[in-house]
N, C-alpha and C. Protein backbone atom coordinates (compact mmCIF):
# COMPACT_ATOMS: atom_id res chain seq x y z
N MET A 1 -0.56 -1.49 7.94
CA MET A 1 -1.24 -0.27 7.49
C MET A 1 -2.63 -0.64 6.95
N ILE A 2 -3.62 0.14 7.35
CA ILE A 2 -4.99 -0.13 6.95
C ILE A 2 -5.23 0.33 5.52
N ASP A 3 -5.77 -0.56 4.72
CA ASP A 3 -6.14 -0.26 3.34
C ASP A 3 -7.58 0.26 3.37
N VAL A 4 -7.73 1.59 3.30
CA VAL A 4 -9.05 2.22 3.47
C VAL A 4 -10.04 1.79 2.39
N PRO A 5 -9.67 1.79 1.10
CA PRO A 5 -10.65 1.34 0.10
C PRO A 5 -11.09 -0.11 0.30
N LEU A 6 -10.16 -1.00 0.64
CA LEU A 6 -10.49 -2.40 0.88
C LEU A 6 -11.42 -2.52 2.09
N THR A 7 -11.07 -1.82 3.16
CA THR A 7 -11.89 -1.86 4.38
C THR A 7 -13.30 -1.35 4.11
N THR A 8 -13.40 -0.25 3.40
CA THR A 8 -14.71 0.32 3.07
C THR A 8 -15.53 -0.65 2.23
N TYR A 9 -14.88 -1.29 1.26
CA TYR A 9 -15.59 -2.24 0.41
C TYR A 9 -16.09 -3.43 1.22
N ILE A 10 -15.22 -4.01 2.03
CA ILE A 10 -15.61 -5.17 2.84
C ILE A 10 -16.74 -4.81 3.79
N ALA A 11 -16.60 -3.67 4.47
CA ALA A 11 -17.61 -3.26 5.45
C ALA A 11 -18.96 -3.02 4.77
N THR A 12 -18.94 -2.35 3.63
CA THR A 12 -20.19 -2.07 2.92
C THR A 12 -20.86 -3.36 2.46
N MET A 13 -20.09 -4.25 1.86
CA MET A 13 -20.66 -5.52 1.39
C MET A 13 -21.08 -6.41 2.55
N SER A 14 -20.39 -6.33 3.68
CA SER A 14 -20.70 -7.19 4.82
C SER A 14 -21.94 -6.74 5.58
N VAL A 15 -22.14 -5.43 5.67
CA VAL A 15 -23.21 -4.92 6.53
C VAL A 15 -24.54 -4.73 5.79
N THR A 16 -24.51 -4.69 4.46
CA THR A 16 -25.75 -4.49 3.72
C THR A 16 -26.56 -5.78 3.67
N PRO A 17 -27.88 -5.65 3.46
CA PRO A 17 -28.73 -6.85 3.46
C PRO A 17 -28.33 -7.87 2.40
N GLY A 18 -28.41 -9.10 2.77
CA GLY A 18 -28.13 -10.21 1.88
C GLY A 18 -28.54 -11.48 2.61
N PRO A 19 -28.39 -12.63 1.98
CA PRO A 19 -28.82 -13.88 2.61
C PRO A 19 -28.21 -14.11 3.99
N ASN A 20 -26.91 -13.90 4.15
CA ASN A 20 -26.28 -14.12 5.46
C ASN A 20 -26.92 -13.24 6.52
N ASN A 21 -27.05 -11.95 6.24
CA ASN A 21 -27.53 -11.02 7.25
C ASN A 21 -29.01 -11.24 7.58
N LEU A 22 -29.80 -11.60 6.58
CA LEU A 22 -31.21 -11.92 6.86
C LEU A 22 -31.30 -13.14 7.77
N MET A 23 -30.48 -14.17 7.48
CA MET A 23 -30.50 -15.37 8.32
C MET A 23 -29.99 -15.07 9.73
N LEU A 24 -28.97 -14.20 9.85
CA LEU A 24 -28.45 -13.86 11.17
C LEU A 24 -29.46 -13.07 11.99
N ALA A 25 -30.16 -12.13 11.36
CA ALA A 25 -31.20 -11.37 12.07
C ALA A 25 -32.31 -12.32 12.54
N ALA A 26 -32.72 -13.20 11.66
CA ALA A 26 -33.77 -14.15 12.01
C ALA A 26 -33.32 -15.09 13.12
N SER A 27 -32.07 -15.53 13.08
CA SER A 27 -31.55 -16.40 14.12
C SER A 27 -31.46 -15.65 15.44
N GLY A 28 -31.07 -14.37 15.39
CA GLY A 28 -31.04 -13.56 16.61
C GLY A 28 -32.41 -13.46 17.25
N VAL A 29 -33.44 -13.27 16.44
CA VAL A 29 -34.81 -13.19 16.96
C VAL A 29 -35.23 -14.53 17.55
N ASN A 30 -35.00 -15.60 16.82
CA ASN A 30 -35.52 -16.90 17.22
C ASN A 30 -34.68 -17.63 18.27
N PHE A 31 -33.36 -17.35 18.30
CA PHE A 31 -32.50 -18.12 19.21
C PHE A 31 -31.64 -17.25 20.12
N GLY A 32 -31.59 -15.96 19.91
CA GLY A 32 -30.75 -15.08 20.71
C GLY A 32 -29.34 -14.98 20.16
N PHE A 33 -28.61 -13.98 20.64
CA PHE A 33 -27.27 -13.72 20.12
C PHE A 33 -26.30 -14.85 20.47
N ARG A 34 -26.32 -15.31 21.72
CA ARG A 34 -25.35 -16.32 22.16
C ARG A 34 -25.46 -17.60 21.34
N ARG A 35 -26.69 -18.07 21.09
CA ARG A 35 -26.86 -19.30 20.31
C ARG A 35 -26.59 -19.08 18.83
N THR A 36 -26.54 -17.81 18.40
CA THR A 36 -26.26 -17.49 17.00
C THR A 36 -24.76 -17.32 16.75
N LEU A 37 -23.96 -17.28 17.80
CA LEU A 37 -22.51 -17.08 17.64
C LEU A 37 -21.84 -18.09 16.69
N PRO A 38 -22.14 -19.40 16.77
CA PRO A 38 -21.51 -20.31 15.81
C PRO A 38 -21.86 -19.96 14.36
N HIS A 39 -23.07 -19.50 14.13
CA HIS A 39 -23.49 -19.08 12.79
C HIS A 39 -22.66 -17.87 12.34
N ILE A 40 -22.51 -16.89 13.22
CA ILE A 40 -21.73 -15.68 12.91
C ILE A 40 -20.28 -16.06 12.56
N VAL A 41 -19.67 -16.85 13.42
CA VAL A 41 -18.27 -17.23 13.20
C VAL A 41 -18.14 -18.10 11.95
N GLY A 42 -19.12 -18.95 11.71
CA GLY A 42 -19.10 -19.77 10.49
C GLY A 42 -19.14 -18.92 9.24
N VAL A 43 -19.98 -17.88 9.22
CA VAL A 43 -20.02 -16.97 8.08
C VAL A 43 -18.67 -16.30 7.90
N CYS A 44 -18.13 -15.79 8.99
CA CYS A 44 -16.87 -15.05 8.93
C CYS A 44 -15.71 -15.94 8.46
N VAL A 45 -15.56 -17.12 9.05
CA VAL A 45 -14.48 -18.02 8.68
C VAL A 45 -14.69 -18.57 7.27
N GLY A 46 -15.92 -18.95 6.96
CA GLY A 46 -16.22 -19.44 5.61
C GLY A 46 -15.89 -18.41 4.56
N HIS A 47 -16.23 -17.15 4.85
CA HIS A 47 -15.94 -16.06 3.92
C HIS A 47 -14.42 -15.88 3.76
N ALA A 48 -13.70 -15.89 4.87
CA ALA A 48 -12.25 -15.70 4.81
C ALA A 48 -11.57 -16.82 4.03
N VAL A 49 -11.98 -18.06 4.26
CA VAL A 49 -11.40 -19.18 3.52
C VAL A 49 -11.71 -19.05 2.04
N GLN A 50 -12.93 -18.64 1.73
CA GLN A 50 -13.32 -18.45 0.33
C GLN A 50 -12.47 -17.37 -0.32
N VAL A 51 -12.23 -16.25 0.38
CA VAL A 51 -11.38 -15.18 -0.16
C VAL A 51 -9.98 -15.72 -0.42
N MET A 52 -9.42 -16.47 0.52
CA MET A 52 -8.07 -16.98 0.36
C MET A 52 -7.96 -17.93 -0.83
N VAL A 53 -8.93 -18.83 -0.95
CA VAL A 53 -8.88 -19.79 -2.05
C VAL A 53 -9.03 -19.09 -3.40
N VAL A 54 -10.01 -18.19 -3.50
CA VAL A 54 -10.26 -17.52 -4.78
C VAL A 54 -9.11 -16.58 -5.13
N ALA A 55 -8.64 -15.81 -4.14
CA ALA A 55 -7.55 -14.88 -4.42
C ALA A 55 -6.26 -15.62 -4.73
N GLY A 56 -6.02 -16.74 -4.06
CA GLY A 56 -4.78 -17.50 -4.27
C GLY A 56 -4.74 -18.22 -5.60
N ALA A 57 -5.90 -18.48 -6.16
CA ALA A 57 -5.97 -19.20 -7.43
C ALA A 57 -6.83 -18.42 -8.42
N LEU A 58 -6.60 -17.12 -8.49
CA LEU A 58 -7.46 -16.22 -9.25
C LEU A 58 -7.61 -16.61 -10.72
N ALA A 59 -6.56 -16.88 -11.41
CA ALA A 59 -6.65 -17.18 -12.84
C ALA A 59 -7.51 -18.43 -13.08
N TRP A 60 -7.25 -19.47 -12.30
CA TRP A 60 -8.03 -20.70 -12.42
C TRP A 60 -9.48 -20.46 -12.01
N ALA A 61 -9.68 -19.70 -10.95
CA ALA A 61 -11.03 -19.48 -10.43
C ALA A 61 -11.90 -18.74 -11.43
N MET A 62 -11.34 -17.79 -12.15
CA MET A 62 -12.14 -17.00 -13.09
C MET A 62 -12.69 -17.89 -14.21
N VAL A 63 -11.89 -18.81 -14.71
CA VAL A 63 -12.35 -19.74 -15.75
C VAL A 63 -13.36 -20.71 -15.15
N TRP A 64 -13.08 -21.24 -13.98
CA TRP A 64 -13.94 -22.20 -13.31
C TRP A 64 -15.30 -21.60 -12.96
N LEU A 65 -15.30 -20.36 -12.48
CA LEU A 65 -16.56 -19.72 -12.08
C LEU A 65 -17.54 -19.62 -13.24
N GLU A 66 -17.05 -19.26 -14.41
CA GLU A 66 -17.96 -19.17 -15.57
C GLU A 66 -18.55 -20.53 -15.91
N ALA A 67 -17.75 -21.57 -15.77
CA ALA A 67 -18.21 -22.91 -16.13
C ALA A 67 -19.28 -23.42 -15.16
N VAL A 68 -19.22 -23.02 -13.89
CA VAL A 68 -20.18 -23.53 -12.91
C VAL A 68 -21.17 -22.49 -12.42
N ARG A 69 -21.19 -21.34 -13.08
CA ARG A 69 -22.07 -20.25 -12.63
C ARG A 69 -23.52 -20.69 -12.54
N GLY A 70 -24.05 -21.31 -13.57
CA GLY A 70 -25.46 -21.72 -13.56
C GLY A 70 -25.79 -22.68 -12.44
N PRO A 71 -25.04 -23.80 -12.32
CA PRO A 71 -25.33 -24.73 -11.21
C PRO A 71 -25.13 -24.09 -9.83
N LEU A 72 -24.14 -23.20 -9.70
CA LEU A 72 -23.90 -22.53 -8.43
C LEU A 72 -25.09 -21.64 -8.05
N VAL A 73 -25.59 -20.87 -9.02
CA VAL A 73 -26.75 -20.01 -8.77
C VAL A 73 -27.97 -20.87 -8.43
N ALA A 74 -28.17 -21.94 -9.17
CA ALA A 74 -29.32 -22.83 -8.92
C ALA A 74 -29.23 -23.44 -7.52
N ALA A 75 -28.06 -23.92 -7.14
CA ALA A 75 -27.88 -24.52 -5.81
C ALA A 75 -28.11 -23.48 -4.71
N GLY A 76 -27.53 -22.31 -4.89
CA GLY A 76 -27.68 -21.24 -3.90
C GLY A 76 -29.13 -20.80 -3.74
N CYS A 77 -29.83 -20.66 -4.85
CA CYS A 77 -31.23 -20.22 -4.80
C CYS A 77 -32.13 -21.31 -4.24
N THR A 78 -31.84 -22.55 -4.54
CA THR A 78 -32.62 -23.66 -3.97
C THR A 78 -32.45 -23.67 -2.45
N TYR A 79 -31.22 -23.47 -2.00
CA TYR A 79 -30.97 -23.43 -0.56
C TYR A 79 -31.68 -22.25 0.08
N LEU A 80 -31.66 -21.09 -0.57
CA LEU A 80 -32.36 -19.91 -0.05
C LEU A 80 -33.86 -20.17 0.07
N LEU A 81 -34.43 -20.84 -0.91
CA LEU A 81 -35.86 -21.16 -0.86
C LEU A 81 -36.16 -22.12 0.29
N TRP A 82 -35.28 -23.10 0.51
CA TRP A 82 -35.46 -24.01 1.63
C TRP A 82 -35.36 -23.25 2.95
N LEU A 83 -34.38 -22.33 3.06
CA LEU A 83 -34.24 -21.53 4.27
C LEU A 83 -35.46 -20.64 4.47
N ALA A 84 -36.01 -20.11 3.37
CA ALA A 84 -37.21 -19.28 3.47
C ALA A 84 -38.37 -20.10 4.03
N TRP A 85 -38.54 -21.31 3.54
CA TRP A 85 -39.61 -22.19 4.04
C TRP A 85 -39.40 -22.47 5.53
N ARG A 86 -38.15 -22.78 5.88
CA ARG A 86 -37.83 -23.08 7.28
C ARG A 86 -38.09 -21.87 8.16
N GLN A 87 -37.72 -20.68 7.67
CA GLN A 87 -37.92 -19.45 8.44
C GLN A 87 -39.40 -19.16 8.63
N ALA A 88 -40.19 -19.36 7.60
CA ALA A 88 -41.63 -19.09 7.68
C ALA A 88 -42.30 -19.98 8.72
N HIS A 89 -41.75 -21.15 8.97
CA HIS A 89 -42.36 -22.09 9.90
C HIS A 89 -41.62 -22.18 11.23
N ALA A 90 -40.78 -21.18 11.52
CA ALA A 90 -40.04 -21.18 12.79
C ALA A 90 -41.00 -20.95 13.95
N GLY A 91 -40.66 -21.52 15.10
CA GLY A 91 -41.49 -21.37 16.29
C GLY A 91 -41.17 -20.09 17.03
N ARG A 92 -41.76 -19.95 18.22
CA ARG A 92 -41.53 -18.74 18.99
C ARG A 92 -40.15 -18.80 19.66
N PRO A 93 -39.55 -17.61 19.98
CA PRO A 93 -38.22 -17.59 20.58
C PRO A 93 -38.15 -18.40 21.86
N GLY A 94 -37.08 -19.18 21.98
CA GLY A 94 -36.84 -19.94 23.19
C GLY A 94 -37.87 -21.02 23.48
N ALA A 95 -38.64 -21.43 22.47
CA ALA A 95 -39.70 -22.41 22.70
C ALA A 95 -39.15 -23.80 22.99
N GLY A 96 -37.90 -24.03 22.65
CA GLY A 96 -37.29 -25.33 22.93
C GLY A 96 -37.81 -26.43 22.02
N GLY A 97 -38.33 -26.06 20.89
CA GLY A 97 -38.86 -27.04 19.95
C GLY A 97 -37.75 -27.66 19.14
N ARG A 98 -38.11 -28.11 17.94
CA ARG A 98 -37.15 -28.79 17.08
C ARG A 98 -36.19 -27.82 16.41
N GLY A 99 -36.51 -26.52 16.39
CA GLY A 99 -35.67 -25.55 15.69
C GLY A 99 -34.31 -25.40 16.33
N ARG A 100 -33.31 -25.20 15.49
CA ARG A 100 -31.95 -24.96 15.94
C ARG A 100 -31.35 -23.88 15.06
N PRO A 101 -30.48 -23.04 15.61
CA PRO A 101 -29.79 -22.07 14.76
C PRO A 101 -28.83 -22.78 13.82
N LEU A 102 -28.53 -22.16 12.69
CA LEU A 102 -27.55 -22.70 11.76
C LEU A 102 -26.21 -22.72 12.47
N GLY A 103 -25.49 -23.80 12.38
CA GLY A 103 -24.22 -23.94 13.09
C GLY A 103 -23.04 -23.42 12.29
N PHE A 104 -21.86 -23.57 12.87
CA PHE A 104 -20.62 -23.09 12.27
C PHE A 104 -20.37 -23.71 10.90
N VAL A 105 -20.44 -25.03 10.82
CA VAL A 105 -20.11 -25.71 9.56
C VAL A 105 -21.12 -25.35 8.47
N GLY A 106 -22.40 -25.39 8.79
CA GLY A 106 -23.43 -25.03 7.80
C GLY A 106 -23.27 -23.61 7.30
N ALA A 107 -22.98 -22.68 8.21
CA ALA A 107 -22.79 -21.28 7.82
C ALA A 107 -21.53 -21.11 6.97
N ALA A 108 -20.45 -21.81 7.34
CA ALA A 108 -19.21 -21.71 6.56
C ALA A 108 -19.41 -22.29 5.16
N LEU A 109 -20.08 -23.43 5.06
CA LEU A 109 -20.31 -24.04 3.75
C LEU A 109 -21.28 -23.23 2.90
N PHE A 110 -22.22 -22.55 3.53
CA PHE A 110 -23.18 -21.74 2.78
C PHE A 110 -22.48 -20.67 1.94
N GLN A 111 -21.31 -20.20 2.39
CA GLN A 111 -20.60 -19.15 1.65
C GLN A 111 -20.28 -19.59 0.22
N TRP A 112 -20.11 -20.89 0.01
CA TRP A 112 -19.73 -21.39 -1.31
C TRP A 112 -20.90 -21.42 -2.29
N ILE A 113 -22.13 -21.27 -1.80
CA ILE A 113 -23.27 -21.19 -2.72
C ILE A 113 -24.04 -19.89 -2.55
N ASN A 114 -23.50 -18.95 -1.80
CA ASN A 114 -24.13 -17.66 -1.58
C ASN A 114 -23.75 -16.71 -2.72
N PRO A 115 -24.70 -16.36 -3.59
CA PRO A 115 -24.37 -15.51 -4.74
C PRO A 115 -23.77 -14.17 -4.35
N LYS A 116 -24.31 -13.50 -3.33
CA LYS A 116 -23.74 -12.22 -2.90
C LYS A 116 -22.32 -12.41 -2.41
N GLY A 117 -22.09 -13.53 -1.70
CA GLY A 117 -20.74 -13.82 -1.23
C GLY A 117 -19.75 -13.98 -2.36
N TRP A 118 -20.15 -14.66 -3.43
CA TRP A 118 -19.27 -14.83 -4.58
C TRP A 118 -18.93 -13.50 -5.23
N VAL A 119 -19.92 -12.64 -5.37
CA VAL A 119 -19.66 -11.30 -5.96
C VAL A 119 -18.63 -10.57 -5.12
N MET A 120 -18.82 -10.61 -3.82
CA MET A 120 -17.89 -9.91 -2.92
C MET A 120 -16.49 -10.49 -2.99
N VAL A 121 -16.39 -11.81 -2.93
CA VAL A 121 -15.08 -12.48 -2.92
C VAL A 121 -14.32 -12.25 -4.23
N VAL A 122 -14.99 -12.42 -5.34
CA VAL A 122 -14.32 -12.23 -6.64
C VAL A 122 -13.87 -10.78 -6.79
N ASN A 123 -14.72 -9.83 -6.40
CA ASN A 123 -14.32 -8.42 -6.48
C ASN A 123 -13.13 -8.11 -5.58
N VAL A 124 -13.15 -8.65 -4.36
CA VAL A 124 -12.01 -8.44 -3.46
C VAL A 124 -10.74 -8.99 -4.08
N ALA A 125 -10.81 -10.20 -4.64
CA ALA A 125 -9.62 -10.82 -5.23
C ALA A 125 -9.11 -10.03 -6.43
N ILE A 126 -10.03 -9.59 -7.28
CA ILE A 126 -9.62 -8.87 -8.48
C ILE A 126 -9.10 -7.47 -8.15
N LEU A 127 -9.80 -6.77 -7.26
CA LEU A 127 -9.47 -5.37 -7.01
C LEU A 127 -8.36 -5.15 -5.99
N PHE A 128 -8.19 -6.08 -5.05
CA PHE A 128 -7.31 -5.77 -3.94
C PHE A 128 -6.14 -6.73 -3.75
N LEU A 129 -6.07 -7.82 -4.49
CA LEU A 129 -4.91 -8.69 -4.39
C LEU A 129 -3.74 -7.98 -5.09
N PRO A 130 -2.61 -7.79 -4.39
CA PRO A 130 -1.48 -7.11 -5.02
C PRO A 130 -0.98 -7.86 -6.25
N ARG A 131 -0.53 -7.13 -7.22
CA ARG A 131 0.01 -7.73 -8.44
C ARG A 131 1.16 -8.65 -8.06
N GLY A 132 1.07 -9.88 -8.56
CA GLY A 132 2.11 -10.85 -8.24
C GLY A 132 1.97 -11.45 -6.85
N GLY A 133 0.89 -11.11 -6.16
CA GLY A 133 0.68 -11.64 -4.81
C GLY A 133 0.36 -13.11 -4.86
N GLY A 134 0.98 -13.88 -4.02
CA GLY A 134 0.74 -15.33 -3.97
C GLY A 134 -0.15 -15.69 -2.80
N TRP A 135 0.07 -16.91 -2.27
CA TRP A 135 -0.78 -17.39 -1.18
C TRP A 135 -0.62 -16.57 0.09
N HIS A 136 0.57 -16.03 0.35
CA HIS A 136 0.76 -15.20 1.54
C HIS A 136 -0.11 -13.95 1.44
N ALA A 137 -0.11 -13.31 0.28
CA ALA A 137 -0.94 -12.12 0.08
C ALA A 137 -2.42 -12.48 0.16
N ALA A 138 -2.78 -13.65 -0.37
CA ALA A 138 -4.18 -14.09 -0.31
C ALA A 138 -4.60 -14.34 1.13
N ALA A 139 -3.71 -14.94 1.93
CA ALA A 139 -4.03 -15.20 3.34
C ALA A 139 -4.17 -13.90 4.12
N THR A 140 -3.30 -12.93 3.84
CA THR A 140 -3.39 -11.62 4.49
C THR A 140 -4.70 -10.94 4.13
N LEU A 141 -5.07 -11.00 2.86
CA LEU A 141 -6.34 -10.43 2.39
C LEU A 141 -7.52 -11.12 3.08
N ALA A 142 -7.47 -12.43 3.19
CA ALA A 142 -8.53 -13.19 3.84
C ALA A 142 -8.66 -12.82 5.32
N LEU A 143 -7.53 -12.68 6.01
CA LEU A 143 -7.55 -12.30 7.42
C LEU A 143 -8.18 -10.92 7.59
N TRP A 144 -7.81 -9.99 6.75
CA TRP A 144 -8.38 -8.64 6.85
C TRP A 144 -9.88 -8.68 6.56
N CYS A 145 -10.30 -9.47 5.59
CA CYS A 145 -11.73 -9.61 5.30
C CYS A 145 -12.48 -10.13 6.52
N ALA A 146 -11.91 -11.14 7.19
CA ALA A 146 -12.56 -11.71 8.37
C ALA A 146 -12.66 -10.68 9.49
N LEU A 147 -11.60 -9.91 9.71
CA LEU A 147 -11.60 -8.92 10.78
C LEU A 147 -12.63 -7.82 10.56
N VAL A 148 -12.83 -7.42 9.32
CA VAL A 148 -13.83 -6.38 9.02
C VAL A 148 -15.22 -6.97 8.95
N ASN A 149 -15.34 -8.18 8.40
CA ASN A 149 -16.64 -8.83 8.21
C ASN A 149 -17.32 -9.16 9.53
N LEU A 150 -16.58 -9.66 10.51
CA LEU A 150 -17.16 -10.17 11.75
C LEU A 150 -18.04 -9.15 12.48
N PRO A 151 -17.57 -7.94 12.77
CA PRO A 151 -18.46 -7.01 13.48
C PRO A 151 -19.64 -6.55 12.62
N CYS A 152 -19.46 -6.50 11.32
CA CYS A 152 -20.55 -6.07 10.43
C CYS A 152 -21.71 -7.07 10.44
N ILE A 153 -21.39 -8.35 10.36
CA ILE A 153 -22.47 -9.35 10.34
C ILE A 153 -23.04 -9.57 11.73
N ALA A 154 -22.21 -9.39 12.77
CA ALA A 154 -22.69 -9.56 14.15
C ALA A 154 -23.79 -8.56 14.46
N LEU A 155 -23.74 -7.38 13.85
CA LEU A 155 -24.79 -6.37 14.06
C LEU A 155 -26.18 -6.91 13.75
N TRP A 156 -26.28 -7.75 12.72
CA TRP A 156 -27.57 -8.30 12.34
C TRP A 156 -28.11 -9.26 13.38
N ALA A 157 -27.25 -10.09 13.92
CA ALA A 157 -27.68 -11.01 14.98
C ALA A 157 -28.03 -10.25 16.26
N ILE A 158 -27.25 -9.21 16.57
CA ILE A 158 -27.55 -8.39 17.75
C ILE A 158 -28.90 -7.70 17.57
N ALA A 159 -29.15 -7.16 16.38
CA ALA A 159 -30.44 -6.51 16.12
C ALA A 159 -31.58 -7.51 16.28
N GLY A 160 -31.39 -8.71 15.74
CA GLY A 160 -32.41 -9.74 15.90
C GLY A 160 -32.61 -10.10 17.36
N ASP A 161 -31.52 -10.22 18.11
CA ASP A 161 -31.61 -10.54 19.53
C ASP A 161 -32.40 -9.46 20.27
N ARG A 162 -32.19 -8.21 19.93
CA ARG A 162 -32.90 -7.10 20.58
C ARG A 162 -34.39 -7.11 20.24
N LEU A 163 -34.72 -7.61 19.07
CA LEU A 163 -36.13 -7.69 18.68
C LEU A 163 -36.89 -8.80 19.41
N ARG A 164 -36.17 -9.72 20.02
CA ARG A 164 -36.81 -10.86 20.69
C ARG A 164 -37.85 -10.43 21.70
N THR A 165 -37.59 -9.36 22.44
CA THR A 165 -38.54 -8.94 23.47
C THR A 165 -39.88 -8.52 22.87
N TRP A 166 -39.85 -8.05 21.63
CA TRP A 166 -41.10 -7.66 20.96
C TRP A 166 -41.74 -8.83 20.25
N MET A 167 -41.04 -9.93 20.15
CA MET A 167 -41.54 -11.07 19.39
C MET A 167 -42.14 -12.16 20.27
N THR A 168 -42.48 -11.83 21.51
CA THR A 168 -43.10 -12.84 22.37
C THR A 168 -44.55 -13.10 21.96
N ASP A 169 -45.15 -12.13 21.30
CA ASP A 169 -46.50 -12.33 20.77
C ASP A 169 -46.42 -13.21 19.52
N ALA A 170 -47.21 -14.28 19.49
CA ALA A 170 -47.14 -15.24 18.39
C ALA A 170 -47.43 -14.59 17.04
N ARG A 171 -48.36 -13.64 17.01
CA ARG A 171 -48.69 -13.00 15.73
C ARG A 171 -47.53 -12.13 15.24
N ALA A 172 -46.91 -11.39 16.15
CA ALA A 172 -45.78 -10.54 15.77
C ALA A 172 -44.63 -11.39 15.23
N LEU A 173 -44.37 -12.51 15.91
CA LEU A 173 -43.29 -13.39 15.46
C LEU A 173 -43.62 -14.00 14.10
N ALA A 174 -44.87 -14.39 13.91
CA ALA A 174 -45.27 -14.97 12.62
C ALA A 174 -45.10 -13.95 11.51
N VAL A 175 -45.49 -12.70 11.75
CA VAL A 175 -45.31 -11.65 10.74
C VAL A 175 -43.83 -11.47 10.43
N PHE A 176 -43.00 -11.43 11.47
CA PHE A 176 -41.56 -11.27 11.27
C PHE A 176 -41.00 -12.44 10.47
N ASN A 177 -41.31 -13.67 10.91
CA ASN A 177 -40.75 -14.86 10.24
C ASN A 177 -41.21 -14.94 8.78
N TRP A 178 -42.47 -14.67 8.52
CA TRP A 178 -42.96 -14.71 7.14
C TRP A 178 -42.35 -13.58 6.31
N SER A 179 -42.12 -12.42 6.94
CA SER A 179 -41.47 -11.30 6.21
C SER A 179 -40.04 -11.66 5.84
N MET A 180 -39.30 -12.25 6.80
CA MET A 180 -37.93 -12.65 6.52
C MET A 180 -37.90 -13.75 5.46
N ALA A 181 -38.86 -14.68 5.55
CA ALA A 181 -38.95 -15.75 4.55
C ALA A 181 -39.23 -15.17 3.17
N ALA A 182 -40.12 -14.19 3.11
CA ALA A 182 -40.44 -13.55 1.83
C ALA A 182 -39.21 -12.84 1.25
N LEU A 183 -38.43 -12.19 2.12
CA LEU A 183 -37.21 -11.53 1.64
C LEU A 183 -36.20 -12.54 1.10
N LEU A 184 -36.03 -13.67 1.81
CA LEU A 184 -35.11 -14.70 1.31
C LEU A 184 -35.61 -15.28 -0.01
N ALA A 185 -36.91 -15.59 -0.08
CA ALA A 185 -37.47 -16.13 -1.33
C ALA A 185 -37.38 -15.10 -2.44
N GLY A 186 -37.63 -13.83 -2.12
CA GLY A 186 -37.51 -12.77 -3.11
C GLY A 186 -36.08 -12.63 -3.62
N THR A 187 -35.12 -12.77 -2.71
CA THR A 187 -33.71 -12.73 -3.11
C THR A 187 -33.40 -13.86 -4.09
N ALA A 188 -33.89 -15.06 -3.79
CA ALA A 188 -33.68 -16.21 -4.68
C ALA A 188 -34.32 -15.94 -6.04
N GLY A 189 -35.55 -15.44 -6.03
CA GLY A 189 -36.24 -15.15 -7.28
C GLY A 189 -35.52 -14.10 -8.10
N TRP A 190 -35.04 -13.06 -7.45
CA TRP A 190 -34.32 -11.99 -8.15
C TRP A 190 -33.03 -12.53 -8.76
N LEU A 191 -32.31 -13.37 -8.01
CA LEU A 191 -31.07 -13.93 -8.53
C LEU A 191 -31.33 -14.86 -9.72
N LEU A 192 -32.37 -15.67 -9.63
CA LEU A 192 -32.71 -16.56 -10.75
C LEU A 192 -33.13 -15.77 -11.98
N LEU A 193 -33.91 -14.71 -11.78
CA LEU A 193 -34.32 -13.86 -12.90
C LEU A 193 -33.11 -13.17 -13.51
N ASP A 194 -32.23 -12.67 -12.67
CA ASP A 194 -31.01 -12.01 -13.16
C ASP A 194 -30.16 -12.98 -13.96
N GLU A 195 -30.07 -14.22 -13.49
CA GLU A 195 -29.29 -15.25 -14.20
C GLU A 195 -29.93 -15.57 -15.54
N ALA A 196 -31.25 -15.64 -15.58
CA ALA A 196 -31.97 -15.94 -16.83
C ALA A 196 -31.73 -14.84 -17.86
N VAL A 197 -31.66 -13.59 -17.41
CA VAL A 197 -31.41 -12.47 -18.32
C VAL A 197 -30.01 -12.53 -18.88
N LEU A 198 -29.04 -12.98 -18.07
CA LEU A 198 -27.66 -13.06 -18.52
C LEU A 198 -27.43 -14.18 -19.53
N VAL A 199 -28.27 -15.21 -19.51
CA VAL A 199 -28.06 -16.37 -20.39
C VAL A 199 -28.45 -16.08 -21.79
């Protein structure tokens, strides 16, 4: 049976702008949808594993998260700034240069330092894990998250892939890449500022 509130929450959090979706759109523009597939699947699987681990060990995770919140935010924001720099200096689509799309493993591991991802995962675990639910319930929750998350994030890569035809002009691509880089850097700055206010 479909859990409508859970599905709505996952879909909303998955499809709205955030670091994953900005990177997927940019990868779609620069490398096309097919070459972005490992990135998409990495995000989806990484997210599902994260949901299962956090939901399965909720009590421990809540104490642990507070203890590592600062370093986690710092690591995530540093990575976002590096990705912003890399995005700003990306070449033209299909140029065959040194650029490569983010792969499955990198995308899956990024979920562990993605601040938006942590907010989503912790909320899913707190709000939707059945009372007394153990690892089986956590695995079911993780599977449902993956099934809803995958088409939502794929939309961003598809949109980026569709923009490729307009990005053959070097100036248009540069404007796009610098805009996406600015959004990623702005996201990092906003998260760091938000963290500073909470301290």
